[in-house]
Amino acid sequence: MTDVPPSFAFLPGDADSPVILHVPHSAREIPADVRSGIVLDDAGLERELDHITDSHTASIAEAAARAAGVVPWRFVNRLSRLVVDPERFPDEREEMLSAGMGAVYTRTTHKDVLRPDGFDAKPLVERYFRPYARAMTEAVAGRLSATGRAVIIDVHSYPSAPLPYELHGDGPRPEICLGTDSFHTPPALLDAAREAFAPCGETGLDSPFAGTYVPLEFFGKRAEVSALMVEIRRDTYMTEPGGAPHKGLSPLASALAALVDAVSG
């Protein structure tokens, strides 16, 4: 654990690229003062990080950016989602609150205690969540200003077997799950993703995870902001639960690059 790691990085792409690859859950870093509020011992925390982290998704996005004909922009969370989860609603709108996994988690993937009852989440929301949300809003606004549109592609992964915290874990678990939004995911974006990931196995929709991430300033308001969540089943590219990547990573990065290129023109 490091004391003051950078919270996030916005890595520039080509000036005429509308695409932002968003990688919110790849990191394991937890600042020491945040670690002190987590009740797990060190071994237990490492096990939880193995399960909750979308390991190596930053590497997939980086390789895709290198391979793309038009280099996308990348917004990468440098801290673990156990600090804050930047993709949750910070209030009662968040359905994962019922599992103890709102913007600040209080329960683990196996429903054990992560933070004590009565934990005050507000300081973490103010310190980490809100600056992240502002920066992502500015990133999208920048692409809108430069190109007239923005395409947010979320890069996630999920385990091959359901974890106890999952609210919708009883449905299909294809190699590639595409999360969609009725307003922000146009058919052309979905078709491009299906074609790009076809070599990687079965592609399904919104199971076991659904929806997309769009900053609230644009959510449901600006159709020029399109969004798609790409959920990659972890056994296709790594040793579960938190092990090393294997040869499956490269084809997935190539597929993501193909998607980037398909929606960049």
Protein backbone atom coordinates (compact mmCIF):
# COMPACT_ATOMS: atom_id res chain seq x y z
CA MET A 1 0.00 0.00 0.00
CA THR A 2 1.25 3.49 -0.78
CA ASP A 3 0.47 6.60 1.21
CA VAL A 4 -0.42 9.13 -1.48
CA PRO A 5 -0.83 7.51 -4.90
CA PRO A 6 -2.32 9.63 -7.67
CA SER A 7 -6.08 9.24 -7.65
CA PHE A 8 -6.59 9.01 -11.43
CA ALA A 9 -4.91 9.72 -14.74
CA PHE A 10 -6.31 11.21 -17.93
CA LEU A 11 -4.05 10.08 -20.74
CA PRO A 12 -4.37 12.01 -24.01
CA GLY A 13 -5.13 10.44 -27.35
CA ASP A 14 -5.40 11.87 -30.84
CA ALA A 15 -6.95 15.33 -31.02
CA ASP A 16 -9.70 14.13 -33.35
CA SER A 17 -10.61 11.01 -31.36
CA PRO A 18 -14.03 11.08 -29.65
CA VAL A 19 -13.26 7.89 -27.69
CA ILE A 20 -12.50 7.70 -23.98
CA LEU A 21 -11.52 4.29 -22.64
CA HIS A 22 -12.60 4.41 -19.01
CA VAL A 23 -10.86 1.99 -16.61
CA PRO A 24 -12.35 2.46 -13.13
CA HIS A 25 -11.63 -0.82 -11.34
CA SER A 26 -8.17 -2.07 -12.36
CA ALA A 27 -6.07 -0.76 -9.45
CA ARG A 28 -5.32 -2.27 -6.04
CA GLU A 29 -3.78 0.79 -4.34
CA ILE A 30 -5.27 1.99 -1.06
CA PRO A 31 -3.83 5.01 0.81
CA ALA A 32 -2.72 4.22 4.36
CA ASP A 33 -5.29 6.50 6.00
CA VAL A 34 -8.07 4.81 4.01
CA ARG A 35 -6.69 1.36 4.86
CA SER A 36 -7.05 2.17 8.54
CA GLY A 37 -10.84 2.33 8.17
CA ILE A 38 -11.05 -1.21 6.71
CA VAL A 39 -11.51 -3.97 9.30
CA LEU A 40 -9.98 -6.85 7.28
CA ASP A 41 -6.51 -8.04 8.20
CA ASP A 42 -3.82 -7.78 5.52
CA ALA A 43 -4.33 -11.31 4.21
CA GLY A 44 -8.08 -10.84 4.12
CA LEU A 45 -7.72 -7.55 2.30
CA GLU A 46 -5.47 -9.11 -0.34
CA ARG A 47 -8.05 -11.85 -0.90
CA GLU A 48 -10.79 -9.26 -1.25
CA LEU A 49 -8.70 -7.27 -3.72
CA ASP A 50 -8.21 -10.45 -5.76
CA HIS A 51 -11.99 -10.84 -6.06
CA ILE A 52 -13.11 -7.22 -6.44
CA THR A 53 -10.39 -5.85 -8.75
CA ASP A 54 -10.81 -5.93 -12.53
CA SER A 55 -7.21 -7.07 -12.80
CA HIS A 56 -5.19 -6.14 -15.88
CA THR A 57 -8.00 -4.16 -17.52
CA ALA A 58 -5.70 -1.11 -17.57
CA SER A 59 -3.20 -3.22 -19.51
CA ILE A 60 -5.90 -4.28 -21.98
CA ALA A 61 -6.88 -0.63 -22.51
CA GLU A 62 -3.26 0.45 -22.88
CA ALA A 63 -2.53 -2.25 -25.46
CA ALA A 64 -5.70 -1.37 -27.35
CA ALA A 65 -4.73 2.31 -27.41
CA ARG A 66 -1.32 1.42 -28.84
CA ALA A 67 -2.89 -0.78 -31.52
CA ALA A 68 -5.69 1.57 -32.58
CA GLY A 69 -5.37 3.54 -35.78
CA VAL A 70 -6.84 6.59 -34.03
CA VAL A 71 -5.45 6.71 -30.50
CA PRO A 72 -8.25 6.95 -27.92
CA TRP A 73 -8.07 8.97 -24.73
CA ARG A 74 -7.87 6.97 -21.50
CA PHE A 75 -9.25 7.82 -18.07
CA VAL A 76 -7.76 5.40 -15.54
CA ASN A 77 -8.52 5.11 -11.84
CA ARG A 78 -5.23 4.72 -9.95
CA LEU A 79 -6.89 3.70 -6.68
CA SER A 80 -8.80 0.58 -5.72
CA ARG A 81 -12.57 0.67 -5.87
CA LEU A 82 -12.37 -0.15 -2.14
CA VAL A 83 -11.42 3.52 -1.65
CA VAL A 84 -14.44 4.78 -3.57
CA ASP A 85 -16.26 3.30 -6.53
CA PRO A 86 -16.49 6.16 -9.03
CA GLU A 87 -19.24 4.43 -11.01
CA ARG A 88 -21.78 4.26 -8.22
CA PHE A 89 -24.37 6.89 -7.46
CA PRO A 90 -23.26 8.64 -4.24
CA ASP A 91 -26.80 8.56 -2.83
CA GLU A 92 -29.95 6.47 -2.45
CA ARG A 93 -30.32 6.01 -6.22
CA GLU A 94 -27.62 3.32 -6.10
CA GLU A 95 -29.14 -0.18 -6.13
CA MET A 96 -25.89 -1.69 -4.81
CA LEU A 97 -26.47 0.06 -1.49
CA SER A 98 -28.54 -3.00 -0.59
CA ALA A 99 -25.35 -5.08 -0.85
CA GLY A 100 -23.26 -2.60 1.14
CA MET A 101 -21.60 -1.44 -2.06
CA GLY A 102 -22.57 2.15 -2.72
CA ALA A 103 -19.93 4.71 -3.57
CA VAL A 104 -18.07 3.61 -0.44
CA TYR A 105 -18.23 -0.11 0.27
CA THR A 106 -19.08 -1.42 3.73
CA ARG A 107 -19.33 -5.11 2.79
CA THR A 108 -17.08 -7.47 0.82
CA THR A 109 -17.78 -9.60 -2.24
CA HIS A 110 -18.70 -12.39 0.21
CA LYS A 111 -20.95 -10.12 2.30
CA ASP A 112 -18.53 -9.89 5.20
CA VAL A 113 -17.87 -6.63 7.05
CA LEU A 114 -15.41 -4.36 5.23
CA ARG A 115 -16.03 -1.17 7.21
CA PRO A 116 -17.81 -0.94 10.58
CA ASP A 117 -21.47 -0.03 10.96
CA GLY A 118 -21.92 3.72 11.14
CA PHE A 119 -18.84 4.42 9.03
CA ASP A 120 -18.97 8.00 7.73
CA ALA A 121 -18.49 7.82 3.97
CA LYS A 122 -18.71 11.56 3.37
CA PRO A 123 -14.99 12.37 3.72
CA LEU A 124 -14.06 9.72 1.15
CA VAL A 125 -16.77 10.92 -1.22
CA GLU A 126 -15.53 14.50 -0.96
CA ARG A 127 -11.84 13.63 -1.20
CA TYR A 128 -11.97 11.07 -3.99
CA PHE A 129 -15.40 10.58 -5.58
CA ARG A 130 -16.30 14.16 -6.41
CA PRO A 131 -12.91 15.18 -7.92
CA TYR A 132 -12.99 12.03 -10.07
CA ALA A 133 -16.52 12.81 -11.26
CA ARG A 134 -15.55 16.42 -12.05
CA ALA A 135 -12.50 15.33 -14.00
CA MET A 136 -14.44 12.74 -15.99
CA THR A 137 -17.12 15.34 -16.75
CA GLU A 138 -14.41 17.70 -18.02
CA ALA A 139 -12.87 14.90 -20.10
CA VAL A 140 -16.17 14.20 -21.83
CA ALA A 141 -16.81 17.91 -22.33
CA GLY A 142 -13.41 18.19 -23.95
CA ARG A 143 -14.19 15.48 -26.49
CA LEU A 144 -17.58 17.09 -27.21
CA SER A 145 -15.92 20.45 -27.80
CA ALA A 146 -13.20 19.00 -30.01
CA THR A 147 -15.18 16.48 -32.06
CA GLY A 148 -18.88 17.17 -31.48
CA ARG A 149 -19.38 13.85 -29.73
CA ALA A 150 -17.93 11.56 -27.08
CA VAL A 151 -17.83 7.76 -26.94
CA ILE A 152 -17.23 6.32 -23.48
CA ILE A 153 -16.13 2.69 -23.51
CA ASP A 154 -15.90 1.25 -20.01
CA VAL A 155 -13.35 -1.56 -19.65
CA HIS A 156 -14.29 -4.02 -16.91
CA SER A 157 -13.95 -7.69 -16.06
CA TYR A 158 -15.96 -10.16 -14.02
CA PRO A 159 -15.39 -13.61 -12.50
CA SER A 160 -16.39 -16.77 -14.30
CA ALA A 161 -18.44 -17.90 -11.27
CA PRO A 162 -20.86 -15.58 -9.46
CA LEU A 163 -19.76 -13.96 -6.21
CA PRO A 164 -22.23 -13.67 -3.32
CA TYR A 165 -22.57 -9.88 -3.62
CA GLU A 166 -23.92 -9.99 -7.18
CA LEU A 167 -27.57 -8.93 -7.41
CA HIS A 168 -28.06 -10.48 -10.85
CA GLY A 169 -25.60 -13.36 -10.82
CA ASP A 170 -28.00 -16.10 -11.91
CA GLY A 171 -28.09 -15.13 -15.60
CA PRO A 172 -25.76 -15.90 -18.51
CA ARG A 173 -22.01 -15.26 -18.11
CA PRO A 174 -20.68 -15.01 -21.68
CA GLU A 175 -17.05 -14.34 -22.52
CA ILE A 176 -18.02 -10.74 -23.31
CA CYS A 177 -20.92 -8.96 -21.63
CA LEU A 178 -21.92 -5.65 -23.17
CA GLY A 179 -23.66 -3.29 -20.78
CA THR A 180 -26.02 -0.85 -22.46
CA ASP A 181 -28.18 2.18 -21.79
CA SER A 182 -31.42 2.83 -23.68
CA PHE A 183 -30.48 6.48 -24.26
CA HIS A 184 -26.69 6.44 -24.58
CA THR A 185 -26.01 3.17 -26.45
CA PRO A 186 -26.98 3.57 -30.11
CA PRO A 187 -27.43 0.45 -32.26
CA ALA A 188 -24.36 1.27 -34.35
CA LEU A 189 -22.12 1.23 -31.27
CA LEU A 190 -23.57 -2.07 -30.12
CA ASP A 191 -23.20 -3.61 -33.59
CA ALA A 192 -19.58 -2.46 -33.78
CA ALA A 193 -18.83 -4.06 -30.41
CA ARG A 194 -20.45 -7.35 -31.36
CA GLU A 195 -18.42 -7.48 -34.56
CA ALA A 196 -15.15 -6.48 -32.88
CA PHE A 197 -15.42 -9.05 -30.08
CA ALA A 198 -16.82 -11.89 -32.19
CA PRO A 199 -13.39 -13.61 -32.34
CA CYS A 200 -13.22 -13.65 -28.53
CA GLY A 201 -16.22 -15.90 -27.88
CA GLU A 202 -19.87 -15.42 -27.07
CA THR A 203 -21.11 -11.85 -26.68
CA GLY A 204 -24.16 -11.19 -24.52
CA LEU A 205 -26.10 -8.15 -23.33
CA ASP A 206 -26.54 -6.82 -19.79
CA SER A 207 -25.89 -10.11 -17.97
CA PRO A 208 -24.48 -10.49 -15.42
CA PHE A 209 -23.87 -6.71 -15.36
CA ALA A 210 -25.94 -4.03 -17.04
CA GLY A 211 -25.79 -0.33 -17.80
CA THR A 212 -23.12 2.19 -18.72
CA TYR A 213 -21.24 5.05 -17.10
CA VAL A 214 -22.03 8.60 -18.20
CA PRO A 215 -21.23 11.66 -16.06
CA LEU A 216 -24.43 12.99 -14.52
CA GLU A 217 -24.16 16.33 -16.32
CA PHE A 218 -24.78 14.48 -19.61
CA PHE A 219 -26.76 11.46 -18.42
CA GLY A 220 -30.10 11.23 -20.17
CA LYS A 221 -29.60 14.68 -21.69
CA ARG A 222 -26.91 14.61 -24.38
CA ALA A 223 -27.29 11.93 -27.05
CA GLU A 224 -23.95 13.04 -28.50
CA VAL A 225 -22.43 11.22 -25.53
CA SER A 226 -22.64 7.52 -26.29
CA ALA A 227 -21.53 4.82 -23.91
CA LEU A 228 -20.94 1.09 -23.71
CA MET A 229 -19.68 -1.12 -20.89
CA VAL A 230 -17.39 -3.95 -21.94
CA GLU A 231 -17.30 -6.68 -19.28
CA ILE A 232 -14.69 -9.38 -20.01
CA ARG A 233 -14.96 -12.74 -18.26
CA ARG A 234 -11.73 -13.11 -16.35
CA ASP A 235 -10.90 -16.70 -17.25
CA THR A 236 -10.54 -15.58 -20.87
CA TYR A 237 -7.36 -13.63 -20.12
CA MET A 238 -6.06 -14.33 -16.58
CA THR A 239 -5.75 -16.84 -13.76
CA GLU A 240 -8.57 -16.28 -11.29
CA PRO A 241 -9.18 -14.80 -8.83
CA GLY A 242 -6.26 -12.34 -8.87
CA GLY A 243 -3.47 -14.00 -10.82
CA ALA A 244 -1.34 -13.25 -13.83
CA PRO A 245 -2.64 -12.60 -17.33
CA HIS A 246 -2.20 -15.27 -20.00
CA LYS A 247 -2.18 -15.39 -23.79
CA GLY A 248 -5.86 -14.47 -23.97
CA LEU A 249 -5.11 -10.84 -23.14
CA SER A 250 -3.65 -9.93 -26.51
CA PRO A 251 -6.66 -10.97 -28.64
CA LEU A 252 -8.96 -9.03 -26.31
CA ALA A 253 -6.81 -5.92 -26.64
CA SER A 254 -6.89 -6.32 -30.41
CA ALA A 255 -10.68 -6.63 -30.34
CA LEU A 256 -10.97 -3.51 -28.19
CA ALA A 257 -8.70 -1.66 -30.63
CA ALA A 258 -10.95 -2.76 -33.49
CA LEU A 259 -13.96 -1.37 -31.64
CA VAL A 260 -12.14 1.92 -31.01
CA ASP A 261 -11.32 2.24 -34.69
CA ALA A 262 -14.85 1.33 -35.75
CA VAL A 263 -16.38 4.15 -33.72
CA SER A 264 -13.65 6.76 -34.20
CA GLY A 265 -14.50 7.75 -37.77
